[in-house]
């Protein structure tokens, strides 16, 4: 019997997975979108808007499935 091993895609998703202080798993768009074939944010933004609309139409609370966060980056000499 052959051993079942995770696919390379699964391993890639696991590598970028984050876990918050409550133990909830999540993935950041900055790392996730390139893996899904989106090179630019603008092209993915419409897909995310449609997904949130579908979430609302199905009676789900969007904030339970999508969150807007920002990431601070270092700029300048300090």
PDB file of N, CA and C in Angstrom:
ATOM      1  N   UNK A   1       0.846  -1.172   0.000  1.00  0.00           N
ATOM      2  CA  UNK A   1       0.000   0.000   0.000  1.00  0.00           C
ATOM      3  C   UNK A   1       0.893   1.237   0.000  1.00  0.00           C
ATOM      4  N   UNK A   2       0.598   2.193  -0.876  1.00  0.00           N
ATOM      5  CA  UNK A   2       1.424   3.396  -0.948  1.00  0.00           C
ATOM      6  C   UNK A   2       1.008   4.406   0.110  1.00  0.00           C
ATOM      7  N   UNK A   3       1.984   5.168   0.559  1.00  0.00           N
ATOM      8  CA  UNK A   3       1.735   6.182   1.579  1.00  0.00           C
ATOM      9  C   UNK A   3       1.135   7.426   0.934  1.00  0.00           C
ATOM     10  N   UNK A   4       0.121   7.993   1.576  1.00  0.00           N
ATOM     11  CA  UNK A   4      -0.488   9.225   1.067  1.00  0.00           C
ATOM     12  C   UNK A   4       0.320  10.397   1.591  1.00  0.00           C
ATOM     13  N   UNK A   5       0.784  11.244   0.665  1.00  0.00           N
ATOM     14  CA  UNK A   5       1.565  12.406   1.060  1.00  0.00           C
ATOM     15  C   UNK A   5       0.894  13.662   0.526  1.00  0.00           C
ATOM     16  N   UNK A   6       1.028  14.762   1.254  1.00  0.00           N
ATOM     17  CA  UNK A   6       0.416  16.007   0.785  1.00  0.00           C
ATOM     18  C   UNK A   6       1.024  16.456  -0.541  1.00  0.00           C
ATOM     19  N   UNK A   7       0.190  17.044  -1.382  1.00  0.00           N
ATOM     20  CA  UNK A   7       0.674  17.542  -2.668  1.00  0.00           C
ATOM     21  C   UNK A   7       1.558  18.759  -2.444  1.00  0.00           C
ATOM     22  N   UNK A   8       2.294  19.130  -3.468  1.00  0.00           N
ATOM     23  CA  UNK A   8       3.138  20.318  -3.389  1.00  0.00           C
ATOM     24  C   UNK A   8       2.289  21.558  -3.129  1.00  0.00           C
ATOM     25  N   UNK A   9       1.096  21.626  -3.751  1.00  0.00           N
ATOM     26  CA  UNK A   9       0.209  22.775  -3.525  1.00  0.00           C
ATOM     27  C   UNK A   9      -0.185  22.856  -2.055  1.00  0.00           C
ATOM     28  N   UNK A  10      -0.542  21.723  -1.474  1.00  0.00           N
ATOM     29  CA  UNK A  10      -0.923  21.696  -0.065  1.00  0.00           C
ATOM     30  C   UNK A  10       0.232  22.174   0.810  1.00  0.00           C
ATOM     31  N   UNK A  11       1.423  21.693   0.511  1.00  0.00           N
ATOM     32  CA  UNK A  11       2.598  22.100   1.285  1.00  0.00           C
ATOM     33  C   UNK A  11       2.830  23.603   1.161  1.00  0.00           C
ATOM     34  N   UNK A  12       2.625  24.148  -0.046  1.00  0.00           N
ATOM     35  CA  UNK A  12       2.802  25.587  -0.248  1.00  0.00           C
ATOM     36  C   UNK A  12       1.797  26.376   0.567  1.00  0.00           C
ATOM     37  N   UNK A  13       0.541  25.935   0.584  1.00  0.00           N
ATOM     38  CA  UNK A  13      -0.480  26.621   1.376  1.00  0.00           C
ATOM     39  C   UNK A  13      -0.160  26.527   2.860  1.00  0.00           C
ATOM     40  N   UNK A  14       0.309  25.392   3.293  1.00  0.00           N
ATOM     41  CA  UNK A  14       0.672  25.222   4.699  1.00  0.00           C
ATOM     42  C   UNK A  14       1.848  26.118   5.082  1.00  0.00           C
ATOM     43  N   UNK A  15       2.760  26.319   4.158  1.00  0.00           N
ATOM     44  CA  UNK A  15       3.944  27.133   4.417  1.00  0.00           C
ATOM     45  C   UNK A  15       3.582  28.603   4.675  1.00  0.00           C
ATOM     46  N   UNK A  16       2.527  29.106   4.017  1.00  0.00           N
ATOM     47  CA  UNK A  16       2.162  30.517   4.189  1.00  0.00           C
ATOM     48  C   UNK A  16       1.035  30.709   5.190  1.00  0.00           C
ATOM     49  N   UNK A  17       0.542  29.626   5.770  1.00  0.00           N
ATOM     50  CA  UNK A  17      -0.544  29.714   6.746  1.00  0.00           C
ATOM     51  C   UNK A  17      -0.090  30.478   7.982  1.00  0.00           C
ATOM     52  N   UNK A  18      -0.991  31.288   8.498  1.00  0.00           N
ATOM     53  CA  UNK A  18      -0.745  32.004   9.741  1.00  0.00           C
ATOM     54  C   UNK A  18      -1.789  31.552  10.757  1.00  0.00           C
ATOM     55  N   UNK A  19      -1.464  31.710  12.026  1.00  0.00           N
ATOM     56  CA  UNK A  19      -2.397  31.343  13.088  1.00  0.00           C
ATOM     57  C   UNK A  19      -2.465  32.507  14.059  1.00  0.00           C
ATOM     58  N   UNK A  20      -3.690  32.971  14.333  1.00  0.00           N
ATOM     59  CA  UNK A  20      -3.830  34.120  15.229  1.00  0.00           C
ATOM     60  C   UNK A  20      -3.775  33.691  16.692  1.00  0.00           C
ATOM     61  N   UNK A  21      -3.929  34.663  17.578  1.00  0.00           N
ATOM     62  CA  UNK A  21      -3.805  34.396  19.020  1.00  0.00           C
ATOM     63  C   UNK A  21      -4.892  33.480  19.561  1.00  0.00           C
ATOM     64  N   UNK A  22      -5.960  33.262  18.775  1.00  0.00           N
ATOM     65  CA  UNK A  22      -7.043  32.365  19.202  1.00  0.00           C
ATOM     66  C   UNK A  22      -6.920  30.984  18.570  1.00  0.00           C
ATOM     67  N   UNK A  23      -5.852  30.775  17.803  1.00  0.00           N
ATOM     68  CA  UNK A  23      -5.639  29.492  17.152  1.00  0.00           C
ATOM     69  C   UNK A  23      -6.349  29.351  15.816  1.00  0.00           C
ATOM     70  N   UNK A  24      -6.898  30.442  15.305  1.00  0.00           N
ATOM     71  CA  UNK A  24      -7.607  30.416  14.030  1.00  0.00           C
ATOM     72  C   UNK A  24      -6.608  30.529  12.883  1.00  0.00           C
ATOM     73  N   UNK A  25      -6.713  29.624  11.927  1.00  0.00           N
ATOM     74  CA  UNK A  25      -5.832  29.642  10.763  1.00  0.00           C
ATOM     75  C   UNK A  25      -6.337  30.667   9.758  1.00  0.00           C
ATOM     76  N   UNK A  26      -5.397  31.347   9.098  1.00  0.00           N
ATOM     77  CA  UNK A  26      -5.765  32.269   8.031  1.00  0.00           C
ATOM     78  C   UNK A  26      -4.600  32.437   7.070  1.00  0.00           C
ATOM     79  N   UNK A  27      -4.914  32.969   5.908  1.00  0.00           N
ATOM     80  CA  UNK A  27      -3.910  33.204   4.883  1.00  0.00           C
ATOM     81  C   UNK A  27      -3.991  34.657   4.451  1.00  0.00           C
ATOM     82  N   UNK A  28      -2.850  35.299   4.293  1.00  0.00           N
ATOM     83  CA  UNK A  28      -2.812  36.679   3.841  1.00  0.00           C
ATOM     84  C   UNK A  28      -2.834  36.755   2.324  1.00  0.00           C
ATOM     85  N   UNK A  29      -3.564  37.750   1.816  1.00  0.00           N
ATOM     86  CA  UNK A  29      -3.693  37.903   0.363  1.00  0.00           C
ATOM     87  C   UNK A  29      -2.352  38.119  -0.313  1.00  0.00           C
ATOM     88  N   UNK A  30      -1.449  38.849   0.343  1.00  0.00           N
ATOM     89  CA  UNK A  30      -0.146  39.140  -0.257  1.00  0.00           C
ATOM     90  C   UNK A  30       0.606  37.866  -0.638  1.00  0.00           C
ATOM     91  N   UNK A  31       0.514  36.844   0.177  1.00  0.00           N
ATOM     92  CA  UNK A  31       1.193  35.577  -0.109  1.00  0.00           C
ATOM     93  C   UNK A  31       0.309  34.620  -0.914  1.00  0.00           C
ATOM     94  N   UNK A  32      -0.994  34.671  -0.681  1.00  0.00           N
ATOM     95  CA  UNK A  32      -1.911  33.718  -1.298  1.00  0.00           C
ATOM     96  C   UNK A  32      -2.185  34.007  -2.772  1.00  0.00           C
ATOM     97  N   UNK A  33      -2.407  35.262  -3.111  1.00  0.00           N
ATOM     98  CA  UNK A  33      -2.805  35.596  -4.478  1.00  0.00           C
ATOM     99  C   UNK A  33      -1.798  35.168  -5.545  1.00  0.00           C
ATOM    100  N   UNK A  34      -0.494  35.370  -5.352  1.00  0.00           N
ATOM    101  CA  UNK A  34       0.436  34.886  -6.377  1.00  0.00           C
ATOM    102  C   UNK A  34       0.367  33.370  -6.576  1.00  0.00           C
ATOM    103  N   UNK A  35       0.092  32.639  -5.517  1.00  0.00           N
ATOM    104  CA  UNK A  35      -0.028  31.184  -5.629  1.00  0.00           C
ATOM    105  C   UNK A  35      -1.242  30.792  -6.463  1.00  0.00           C
ATOM    106  N   UNK A  36      -2.246  31.675  -6.483  1.00  0.00           N
ATOM    107  CA  UNK A  36      -3.469  31.410  -7.239  1.00  0.00           C
ATOM    108  C   UNK A  36      -3.413  31.986  -8.655  1.00  0.00           C
ATOM    109  N   UNK A  37      -2.258  32.550  -9.020  1.00  0.00           N
ATOM    110  CA  UNK A  37      -2.080  33.040 -10.377  1.00  0.00           C
ATOM    111  C   UNK A  37      -2.345  34.517 -10.576  1.00  0.00           C
ATOM    112  N   UNK A  38      -2.573  35.257  -9.510  1.00  0.00           N
ATOM    113  CA  UNK A  38      -2.811  36.698  -9.614  1.00  0.00           C
ATOM    114  C   UNK A  38      -1.508  37.431  -9.355  1.00  0.00           C
ATOM    115  N   UNK A  39      -0.992  38.092 -10.382  1.00  0.00           N
ATOM    116  CA  UNK A  39       0.262  38.816 -10.227  1.00  0.00           C
ATOM    117  C   UNK A  39       0.046  40.223  -9.688  1.00  0.00           C
ATOM    118  N   UNK A  40      -1.139  40.778  -9.944  1.00  0.00           N
ATOM    119  CA  UNK A  40      -1.435  42.142  -9.499  1.00  0.00           C
ATOM    120  C   UNK A  40      -2.700  42.151  -8.669  1.00  0.00           C
ATOM    121  N   UNK A  41      -2.693  42.964  -7.625  1.00  0.00           N
ATOM    122  CA  UNK A  41      -3.815  43.052  -6.707  1.00  0.00           C
ATOM    123  C   UNK A  41      -5.097  43.447  -7.422  1.00  0.00           C
ATOM    124  N   UNK A  42      -5.029  44.383  -8.358  1.00  0.00           N
ATOM    125  CA  UNK A  42      -6.218  44.883  -9.044  1.00  0.00           C
ATOM    126  C   UNK A  42      -7.014  43.792  -9.722  1.00  0.00           C
ATOM    127  N   UNK A  43      -6.332  42.807 -10.284  1.00  0.00           N
ATOM    128  CA  UNK A  43      -7.026  41.714 -10.962  1.00  0.00           C
ATOM    129  C   UNK A  43      -7.736  40.806  -9.958  1.00  0.00           C
ATOM    130  N   UNK A  44      -7.207  40.676  -8.772  1.00  0.00           N
ATOM    131  CA  UNK A  44      -7.810  39.814  -7.759  1.00  0.00           C
ATOM    132  C   UNK A  44      -8.898  40.534  -6.980  1.00  0.00           C
ATOM    133  N   UNK A  45      -8.826  41.850  -6.923  1.00  0.00           N
ATOM    134  CA  UNK A  45      -9.778  42.603  -6.114  1.00  0.00           C
ATOM    135  C   UNK A  45     -11.220  42.344  -6.544  1.00  0.00           C
ATOM    136  N   UNK A  46     -11.482  42.302  -7.841  1.00  0.00           N
ATOM    137  CA  UNK A  46     -12.843  42.046  -8.323  1.00  0.00           C
ATOM    138  C   UNK A  46     -13.319  40.659  -7.908  1.00  0.00           C
ATOM    139  N   UNK A  47     -12.424  39.689  -7.933  1.00  0.00           N
ATOM    140  CA  UNK A  47     -12.783  38.331  -7.505  1.00  0.00           C
ATOM    141  C   UNK A  47     -13.167  38.336  -6.023  1.00  0.00           C
ATOM    142  N   UNK A  48     -12.428  39.068  -5.221  1.00  0.00           N
ATOM    143  CA  UNK A  48     -12.719  39.144  -3.791  1.00  0.00           C
ATOM    144  C   UNK A  48     -14.051  39.850  -3.556  1.00  0.00           C
ATOM    145  N   UNK A  49     -14.321  40.908  -4.327  1.00  0.00           N
ATOM    146  CA  UNK A  49     -15.609  41.613  -4.212  1.00  0.00           C
ATOM    147  C   UNK A  49     -16.747  40.656  -4.549  1.00  0.00           C
ATOM    148  N   UNK A  50     -16.610  39.878  -5.618  1.00  0.00           N
ATOM    149  CA  UNK A  50     -17.657  38.923  -5.992  1.00  0.00           C
ATOM    150  C   UNK A  50     -17.829  37.840  -4.925  1.00  0.00           C
ATOM    151  N   UNK A  51     -16.722  37.401  -4.338  1.00  0.00           N
ATOM    152  CA  UNK A  51     -16.799  36.373  -3.294  1.00  0.00           C
ATOM    153  C   UNK A  51     -17.504  36.903  -2.056  1.00  0.00           C
ATOM    154  N   UNK A  52     -17.235  38.154  -1.679  1.00  0.00           N
ATOM    155  CA  UNK A  52     -17.920  38.717  -0.512  1.00  0.00           C
ATOM    156  C   UNK A  52     -19.404  38.902  -0.814  1.00  0.00           C
ATOM    157  N   UNK A  53     -19.737  39.276  -2.053  1.00  0.00           N
ATOM    158  CA  UNK A  53     -21.149  39.424  -2.440  1.00  0.00           C
ATOM    159  C   UNK A  53     -21.859  38.068  -2.370  1.00  0.00           C
ATOM    160  N   UNK A  54     -21.195  37.012  -2.844  1.00  0.00           N
ATOM    161  CA  UNK A  54     -21.772  35.670  -2.781  1.00  0.00           C
ATOM    162  C   UNK A  54     -21.967  35.239  -1.335  1.00  0.00           C
ATOM    163  N   UNK A  55     -21.029  35.605  -0.487  1.00  0.00           N
ATOM    164  CA  UNK A  55     -21.133  35.303   0.940  1.00  0.00           C
ATOM    165  C   UNK A  55     -22.390  35.959   1.524  1.00  0.00           C
ATOM    166  N   UNK A  56     -22.580  37.241   1.211  1.00  0.00           N
ATOM    167  CA  UNK A  56     -23.763  37.961   1.696  1.00  0.00           C
ATOM    168  C   UNK A  56     -25.041  37.330   1.147  1.00  0.00           C
ATOM    169  N   UNK A  57     -25.060  37.012  -0.149  1.00  0.00           N
ATOM    170  CA  UNK A  57     -26.253  36.444  -0.774  1.00  0.00           C
ATOM    171  C   UNK A  57     -26.627  35.084  -0.195  1.00  0.00           C
ATOM    172  N   UNK A  58     -25.654  34.381   0.355  1.00  0.00           N
ATOM    173  CA  UNK A  58     -25.941  33.073   0.948  1.00  0.00           C
ATOM    174  C   UNK A  58     -26.345  33.188   2.410  1.00  0.00           C
ATOM    175  N   UNK A  59     -26.426  34.440   2.900  1.00  0.00           N
ATOM    176  CA  UNK A  59     -26.860  34.647   4.278  1.00  0.00           C
ATOM    177  C   UNK A  59     -25.750  34.593   5.306  1.00  0.00           C
ATOM    178  N   UNK A  60     -24.513  34.497   4.855  1.00  0.00           N
ATOM    179  CA  UNK A  60     -23.372  34.462   5.767  1.00  0.00           C
ATOM    180  C   UNK A  60     -22.914  35.874   6.105  1.00  0.00           C
ATOM    181  N   UNK A  61     -22.336  36.038   7.273  1.00  0.00           N
ATOM    182  CA  UNK A  61     -21.770  37.330   7.673  1.00  0.00           C
ATOM    183  C   UNK A  61     -20.382  37.456   7.059  1.00  0.00           C
ATOM    184  N   UNK A  62     -20.217  38.441   6.197  1.00  0.00           N
ATOM    185  CA  UNK A  62     -18.952  38.630   5.486  1.00  0.00           C
ATOM    186  C   UNK A  62     -17.782  38.739   6.453  1.00  0.00           C
ATOM    187  N   UNK A  63     -17.983  39.462   7.554  1.00  0.00           N
ATOM    188  CA  UNK A  63     -16.881  39.662   8.506  1.00  0.00           C
ATOM    189  C   UNK A  63     -16.420  38.364   9.165  1.00  0.00           C
ATOM    190  N   UNK A  64     -17.228  37.309   9.077  1.00  0.00           N
ATOM    191  CA  UNK A  64     -16.808  36.010   9.609  1.00  0.00           C
ATOM    192  C   UNK A  64     -15.879  35.267   8.658  1.00  0.00           C
ATOM    193  N   UNK A  65     -15.807  35.730   7.399  1.00  0.00           N
ATOM    194  CA  UNK A  65     -15.032  35.010   6.394  1.00  0.00           C
ATOM    195  C   UNK A  65     -13.962  35.850   5.714  1.00  0.00           C
ATOM    196  N   UNK A  66     -14.106  37.163   5.762  1.00  0.00           N
ATOM    197  CA  UNK A  66     -13.160  38.067   5.116  1.00  0.00           C
ATOM    198  C   UNK A  66     -12.814  39.182   6.094  1.00  0.00           C
ATOM    199  N   UNK A  67     -11.564  39.559   6.145  1.00  0.00           N
ATOM    200  CA  UNK A  67     -11.213  40.716   6.970  1.00  0.00           C
ATOM    201  C   UNK A  67     -10.196  41.550   6.216  1.00  0.00           C
ATOM    202  N   UNK A  68     -10.339  42.845   6.360  1.00  0.00           N
ATOM    203  CA  UNK A  68      -9.384  43.765   5.730  1.00  0.00           C
ATOM    204  C   UNK A  68      -8.322  44.085   6.758  1.00  0.00           C
ATOM    205  N   UNK A  69      -7.114  43.802   6.402  1.00  0.00           N
ATOM    206  CA  UNK A  69      -6.008  44.131   7.295  1.00  0.00           C
ATOM    207  C   UNK A  69      -4.938  44.850   6.496  1.00  0.00           C
ATOM    208  N   UNK A  70      -4.085  45.499   7.189  1.00  0.00           N
ATOM    209  CA  UNK A  70      -2.961  46.160   6.546  1.00  0.00           C
ATOM    210  C   UNK A  70      -1.666  45.606   7.092  1.00  0.00           C
ATOM    211  N   UNK A  71      -0.624  45.821   6.366  1.00  0.00           N
ATOM    212  CA  UNK A  71       0.682  45.334   6.800  1.00  0.00           C
ATOM    213  C   UNK A  71       1.636  46.510   6.779  1.00  0.00           C
ATOM    214  N   UNK A  72       2.248  46.772   7.898  1.00  0.00           N
ATOM    215  CA  UNK A  72       3.209  47.861   7.983  1.00  0.00           C
ATOM    216  C   UNK A  72       4.516  47.420   7.338  1.00  0.00           C
ATOM    217  N   UNK A  73       5.064  48.299   6.546  1.00  0.00           N
ATOM    218  CA  UNK A  73       6.356  48.014   5.924  1.00  0.00           C
ATOM    219  C   UNK A  73       7.335  49.125   6.281  1.00  0.00           C
ATOM    220  N   UNK A  74       8.594  48.778   6.343  1.00  0.00           N
ATOM    221  CA  UNK A  74       9.624  49.773   6.647  1.00  0.00           C
ATOM    222  C   UNK A  74       9.896  50.590   5.395  1.00  0.00           C
ATOM    223  N   UNK A  75       9.976  51.903   5.574  1.00  0.00           N
ATOM    224  CA  UNK A  75      10.322  52.774   4.461  1.00  0.00           C
ATOM    225  C   UNK A  75      11.378  53.760   4.930  1.00  0.00           C
ATOM    226  N   UNK A  76      12.047  54.357   4.003  1.00  0.00           N
ATOM    227  CA  UNK A  76      13.036  55.365   4.353  1.00  0.00           C
ATOM    228  C   UNK A  76      14.261  54.776   5.027  1.00  0.00           C
ATOM    229  N   UNK A  77      15.012  55.618   5.716  1.00  0.00           N
ATOM    230  CA  UNK A  77      16.261  55.181   6.330  1.00  0.00           C
ATOM    231  C   UNK A  77      16.071  54.671   7.750  1.00  0.00           C
ATOM    232  N   UNK A  78      14.883  54.849   8.319  1.00  0.00           N
ATOM    233  CA  UNK A  78      14.632  54.344   9.681  1.00  0.00           C
ATOM    234  C   UNK A  78      13.626  53.241   9.623  1.00  0.00           C
TER     235      UNK A  78
END
